[in-house]
Amino acid sequence: MRSDLERIKDIQEAIANIEKYSIHGKIEFFENELIATWIIHHLQIIGETVRSISDELKLNYPKTPWLKIADFRNLIVHEYFRVDLQIVWSIVENQLPQLKEQIETILQEMSNNE
């Protein structure tokens, strides 16, 4: 079983993978199906990972939108025909940077507590 620390690092890696291609911008995201699929896949990984993080860790970081992340993962997996690329891009552009900061803070605090 993976630890919370490993799972938080998984989220950090998925964010880095999204940034690798989202840096090309909105037009490329909408015109390149492979990039859109790559980004959606890594958002799914983030959501799946969040579902496995302990309740204790989630309670310690209530500002992180754990439930919204998991709910979006459910939409991607179970209702993929409803995935709106405008919403996906909005998440990447507006919410992912904030999540990245939160994950970095969590990692730093977890490292300090070791």
C-alpha atoms as a PDB file:
ATOM      1  CA  MET A   1       0.000   0.000   0.000  1.00  0.00           C
ATOM      2  CA  ARG A   2       1.336   3.391  -0.986  1.00  0.00           C
ATOM      3  CA  SER A   3       1.833   6.029   1.686  1.00  0.00           C
ATOM      4  CA  ASP A   4       0.269   9.478   1.614  1.00  0.00           C
ATOM      5  CA  LEU A   5       3.706  10.911   0.882  1.00  0.00           C
ATOM      6  CA  GLU A   6       4.046   8.720  -2.210  1.00  0.00           C
ATOM      7  CA  ARG A   7       0.552   9.672  -3.345  1.00  0.00           C
ATOM      8  CA  ILE A   8       1.233  13.389  -2.921  1.00  0.00           C
ATOM      9  CA  LYS A   9       4.388  12.919  -5.004  1.00  0.00           C
ATOM     10  CA  ASP A  10       2.231  11.167  -7.631  1.00  0.00           C
ATOM     11  CA  ILE A  11       0.016  14.252  -7.784  1.00  0.00           C
ATOM     12  CA  GLN A  12       3.083  16.471  -8.104  1.00  0.00           C
ATOM     13  CA  GLU A  13       4.325  14.329 -10.996  1.00  0.00           C
ATOM     14  CA  ALA A  14       0.933  14.405 -12.746  1.00  0.00           C
ATOM     15  CA  ILE A  15       0.872  18.201 -12.452  1.00  0.00           C
ATOM     16  CA  ALA A  16       4.364  18.365 -13.982  1.00  0.00           C
ATOM     17  CA  ASN A  17       3.187  16.132 -16.823  1.00  0.00           C
ATOM     18  CA  ILE A  18       0.229  18.421 -17.478  1.00  0.00           C
ATOM     19  CA  GLU A  19       2.489  21.486 -17.435  1.00  0.00           C
ATOM     20  CA  LYS A  20       4.825  19.843 -19.923  1.00  0.00           C
ATOM     21  CA  TYR A  21       2.228  20.211 -22.674  1.00  0.00           C
ATOM     22  CA  SER A  22      -0.149  22.889 -21.410  1.00  0.00           C
ATOM     23  CA  ILE A  23       2.731  25.343 -21.725  1.00  0.00           C
ATOM     24  CA  HIS A  24       2.041  25.281 -25.491  1.00  0.00           C
ATOM     25  CA  GLY A  25      -1.171  27.174 -24.773  1.00  0.00           C
ATOM     26  CA  LYS A  26      -4.892  27.045 -25.238  1.00  0.00           C
ATOM     27  CA  ILE A  27      -4.942  26.890 -29.039  1.00  0.00           C
ATOM     28  CA  GLU A  28      -2.632  23.884 -29.118  1.00  0.00           C
ATOM     29  CA  PHE A  29      -4.719  22.195 -26.422  1.00  0.00           C
ATOM     30  CA  PHE A  30      -7.889  22.555 -28.496  1.00  0.00           C
ATOM     31  CA  GLU A  31      -6.285  21.668 -31.812  1.00  0.00           C
ATOM     32  CA  ASN A  32      -4.140  18.726 -30.729  1.00  0.00           C
ATOM     33  CA  GLU A  33      -6.200  15.745 -29.590  1.00  0.00           C
ATOM     34  CA  LEU A  34      -3.132  13.996 -28.187  1.00  0.00           C
ATOM     35  CA  ILE A  35      -2.330  16.923 -25.901  1.00  0.00           C
ATOM     36  CA  ALA A  36      -5.942  17.219 -24.739  1.00  0.00           C
ATOM     37  CA  THR A  37      -6.060  13.481 -24.050  1.00  0.00           C
ATOM     38  CA  TRP A  38      -2.701  13.603 -22.217  1.00  0.00           C
ATOM     39  CA  ILE A  39      -3.916  16.406 -19.970  1.00  0.00           C
ATOM     40  CA  ILE A  40      -7.261  14.749 -19.251  1.00  0.00           C
ATOM     41  CA  HIS A  41      -5.470  11.490 -18.449  1.00  0.00           C
ATOM     42  CA  HIS A  42      -3.231  13.188 -15.893  1.00  0.00           C
ATOM     43  CA  LEU A  43      -6.192  15.010 -14.338  1.00  0.00           C
ATOM     44  CA  GLN A  44      -7.735  11.568 -13.976  1.00  0.00           C
ATOM     45  CA  ILE A  45      -4.565  10.323 -12.261  1.00  0.00           C
ATOM     46  CA  ILE A  46      -4.743  13.251  -9.842  1.00  0.00           C
ATOM     47  CA  GLY A  47      -8.372  12.454  -9.064  1.00  0.00           C
ATOM     48  CA  GLU A  48      -7.695   8.763  -8.602  1.00  0.00           C
ATOM     49  CA  THR A  49      -4.787   9.523  -6.303  1.00  0.00           C
ATOM     50  CA  VAL A  50      -6.883  11.928  -4.224  1.00  0.00           C
ATOM     51  CA  ARG A  51      -9.423   9.165  -3.670  1.00  0.00           C
ATOM     52  CA  SER A  52      -6.671   7.068  -2.055  1.00  0.00           C
ATOM     53  CA  ILE A  53      -5.234   9.703   0.270  1.00  0.00           C
ATOM     54  CA  SER A  54      -6.065   9.222   3.928  1.00  0.00           C
ATOM     55  CA  ASP A  55      -8.915  11.169   5.490  1.00  0.00           C
ATOM     56  CA  GLU A  56      -6.467  12.386   8.125  1.00  0.00           C
ATOM     57  CA  LEU A  57      -4.280  14.119   5.537  1.00  0.00           C
ATOM     58  CA  LYS A  58      -7.333  15.624   3.831  1.00  0.00           C
ATOM     59  CA  LEU A  59      -8.564  16.982   7.166  1.00  0.00           C
ATOM     60  CA  ASN A  60      -5.146  18.527   7.817  1.00  0.00           C
ATOM     61  CA  TYR A  61      -5.364  20.451   4.518  1.00  0.00           C
ATOM     62  CA  PRO A  62      -8.989  21.574   4.194  1.00  0.00           C
ATOM     63  CA  LYS A  63      -8.208  24.365   1.703  1.00  0.00           C
ATOM     64  CA  THR A  64      -7.296  21.782  -0.930  1.00  0.00           C
ATOM     65  CA  PRO A  65     -10.464  20.946  -2.887  1.00  0.00           C
ATOM     66  CA  TRP A  66     -10.150  17.173  -2.414  1.00  0.00           C
ATOM     67  CA  LEU A  67     -13.828  16.413  -3.069  1.00  0.00           C
ATOM     68  CA  LYS A  68     -14.020  18.541  -6.229  1.00  0.00           C
ATOM     69  CA  ILE A  69     -10.908  16.823  -7.582  1.00  0.00           C
ATOM     70  CA  ALA A  70     -12.358  13.366  -6.921  1.00  0.00           C
ATOM     71  CA  ASP A  71     -15.718  14.391  -8.390  1.00  0.00           C
ATOM     72  CA  PHE A  72     -14.051  15.605 -11.582  1.00  0.00           C
ATOM     73  CA  ARG A  73     -12.227  12.272 -11.835  1.00  0.00           C
ATOM     74  CA  ASN A  74     -15.607  10.530 -11.621  1.00  0.00           C
ATOM     75  CA  LEU A  75     -16.915  12.678 -14.459  1.00  0.00           C
ATOM     76  CA  ILE A  76     -13.895  11.886 -16.626  1.00  0.00           C
ATOM     77  CA  VAL A  77     -14.132   8.149 -15.983  1.00  0.00           C
ATOM     78  CA  HIS A  78     -17.870   7.536 -15.886  1.00  0.00           C
ATOM     79  CA  GLU A  79     -19.321  10.306 -18.010  1.00  0.00           C
ATOM     80  CA  TYR A  80     -16.493  11.018 -20.436  1.00  0.00           C
ATOM     81  CA  PHE A  81     -18.997  12.140 -23.104  1.00  0.00           C
ATOM     82  CA  ARG A  82     -19.828  15.103 -20.835  1.00  0.00           C
ATOM     83  CA  VAL A  83     -16.226  16.293 -20.504  1.00  0.00           C
ATOM     84  CA  ASP A  84     -16.126  19.877 -21.720  1.00  0.00           C
ATOM     85  CA  LEU A  85     -12.705  20.911 -23.009  1.00  0.00           C
ATOM     86  CA  GLN A  86     -13.408  24.524 -22.033  1.00  0.00           C
ATOM     87  CA  ILE A  87     -13.807  23.393 -18.425  1.00  0.00           C
ATOM     88  CA  VAL A  88     -10.692  21.220 -18.637  1.00  0.00           C
ATOM     89  CA  TRP A  89      -8.648  24.146 -19.911  1.00  0.00           C
ATOM     90  CA  SER A  90     -10.090  26.416 -17.228  1.00  0.00           C
ATOM     91  CA  ILE A  91      -8.990  23.903 -14.583  1.00  0.00           C
ATOM     92  CA  VAL A  92      -5.500  23.740 -16.072  1.00  0.00           C
ATOM     93  CA  GLU A  93      -5.169  27.485 -16.355  1.00  0.00           C
ATOM     94  CA  ASN A  94      -6.905  28.661 -13.171  1.00  0.00           C
ATOM     95  CA  GLN A  95      -6.960  25.865 -10.613  1.00  0.00           C
ATOM     96  CA  LEU A  96      -3.922  23.708 -11.325  1.00  0.00           C
ATOM     97  CA  PRO A  97      -1.376  26.399 -10.331  1.00  0.00           C
ATOM     98  CA  GLN A  98      -3.092  26.747  -6.962  1.00  0.00           C
ATOM     99  CA  LEU A  99      -3.192  22.965  -6.497  1.00  0.00           C
ATOM    100  CA  LYS A 100       0.497  22.816  -7.370  1.00  0.00           C
ATOM    101  CA  GLU A 101       1.292  25.326  -4.613  1.00  0.00           C
ATOM    102  CA  GLN A 102      -0.835  23.391  -2.122  1.00  0.00           C
ATOM    103  CA  ILE A 103       0.854  20.100  -3.023  1.00  0.00           C
ATOM    104  CA  GLU A 104       4.306  21.672  -2.687  1.00  0.00           C
ATOM    105  CA  THR A 105       3.340  23.014   0.755  1.00  0.00           C
ATOM    106  CA  ILE A 106       2.049  19.607   1.831  1.00  0.00           C
ATOM    107  CA  LEU A 107       5.234  17.925   0.634  1.00  0.00           C
ATOM    108  CA  GLN A 108       7.415  20.431   2.436  1.00  0.00           C
ATOM    109  CA  GLU A 109       5.472  20.031   5.672  1.00  0.00           C
ATOM    110  CA  MET A 110       5.525  16.251   5.404  1.00  0.00           C
ATOM    111  CA  SER A 111       9.303  16.349   4.849  1.00  0.00           C
ATOM    112  CA  ASN A 112       9.754  18.619   7.877  1.00  0.00           C
ATOM    113  CA  ASN A 113       7.795  16.179  10.037  1.00  0.00           C
ATOM    114  CA  GLU A 114       9.933  13.171   9.177  1.00  0.00           C
END
